[in-house]
Amino acid sequence: MKTLAIALSIVSLVNIPIGTALGIYTIKFLRSEAGVSFYGGKASAGTDAELAEAMQGAQPLMNWANKSKS
């Protein structure tokens, strides 16, 4: 059941903007502690350092988006 939910949430990511938001929310929920306690599996075990490292790659795009707003 959980595998099907993840597969359907990935497919819904292409339906911008509602499907994308629901797909991201579903994936985040299923990987959270609440989703794991409800459906089983493993929780995401990312640390703050790993998140900061992952965000470094997105920083130039975020800077460009902020400059284009002004």
Protein backbone atom coordinates (compact mmCIF):
# COMPACT_ATOMS: atom_id res chain seq x y z
CA MET A 1 0.00 0.00 0.00
CA LYS A 2 2.80 2.42 0.92
CA THR A 3 4.69 1.60 -2.28
CA LEU A 4 1.60 2.34 -4.35
CA ALA A 5 1.12 5.68 -2.55
CA ILE A 6 4.71 6.69 -3.26
CA ALA A 7 4.41 5.65 -6.91
CA LEU A 8 1.19 7.62 -7.38
CA SER A 9 2.65 10.67 -5.64
CA ILE A 10 5.63 10.60 -8.01
CA VAL A 11 3.28 10.41 -11.00
CA SER A 12 1.22 13.33 -9.67
CA LEU A 13 4.32 15.58 -9.54
CA VAL A 14 3.84 16.41 -13.25
CA ASN A 15 0.40 17.95 -12.61
CA ILE A 16 1.50 21.50 -11.83
CA PRO A 17 0.67 23.16 -9.37
CA ILE A 18 -1.83 21.09 -7.33
CA GLY A 19 -0.42 17.66 -8.18
CA THR A 20 3.10 18.84 -7.47
CA ALA A 21 2.14 20.16 -4.04
CA LEU A 22 0.17 17.03 -3.15
CA GLY A 23 2.92 14.74 -4.42
CA ILE A 24 5.59 16.49 -2.38
CA TYR A 25 3.39 16.53 0.71
CA THR A 26 2.61 12.82 0.32
CA ILE A 27 6.25 11.83 -0.08
CA LYS A 28 7.29 13.98 2.90
CA PHE A 29 4.48 12.53 5.05
CA LEU A 30 5.25 8.92 4.17
CA ARG A 31 8.92 9.45 5.07
CA SER A 32 8.15 11.31 8.34
CA GLU A 33 7.86 9.69 11.76
CA ALA A 34 4.05 9.95 11.67
CA GLY A 35 3.90 8.23 8.28
CA VAL A 36 6.28 5.52 9.42
CA SER A 37 4.24 4.84 12.56
CA PHE A 38 1.05 4.71 10.49
CA TYR A 39 2.27 2.77 7.42
CA GLY A 40 5.57 1.21 8.57
CA GLY A 41 8.96 1.40 6.93
CA LYS A 42 11.86 3.68 7.80
CA ALA A 43 11.84 7.37 8.67
CA SER A 44 14.10 9.82 6.88
CA ALA A 45 17.25 10.26 8.92
CA GLY A 46 18.75 13.35 7.32
CA THR A 47 20.69 15.74 9.53
CA ASP A 48 20.80 19.53 9.40
CA ALA A 49 24.31 19.34 7.94
CA GLU A 50 23.07 17.12 5.10
CA LEU A 51 20.21 19.52 4.42
CA ALA A 52 22.60 22.49 4.30
CA GLU A 53 24.88 20.59 1.93
CA ALA A 54 21.97 19.73 -0.37
CA MET A 55 20.74 23.34 -0.38
CA GLN A 56 24.14 24.64 -1.54
CA GLY A 57 23.44 23.24 -5.00
CA ALA A 58 20.10 25.07 -5.17
CA GLN A 59 21.46 28.37 -3.87
CA PRO A 60 22.36 29.88 -7.29
CA LEU A 61 18.85 29.16 -8.57
CA MET A 62 17.29 30.66 -5.45
CA ASN A 63 19.47 33.78 -5.81
CA TRP A 64 18.40 34.14 -9.46
CA ALA A 65 14.73 33.78 -8.49
CA ASN A 66 15.07 36.45 -5.80
CA LYS A 67 16.79 38.85 -8.24
CA SER A 68 14.08 38.35 -10.86
CA LYS A 69 11.37 39.30 -8.32
CA SER A 70 12.86 42.77 -7.80
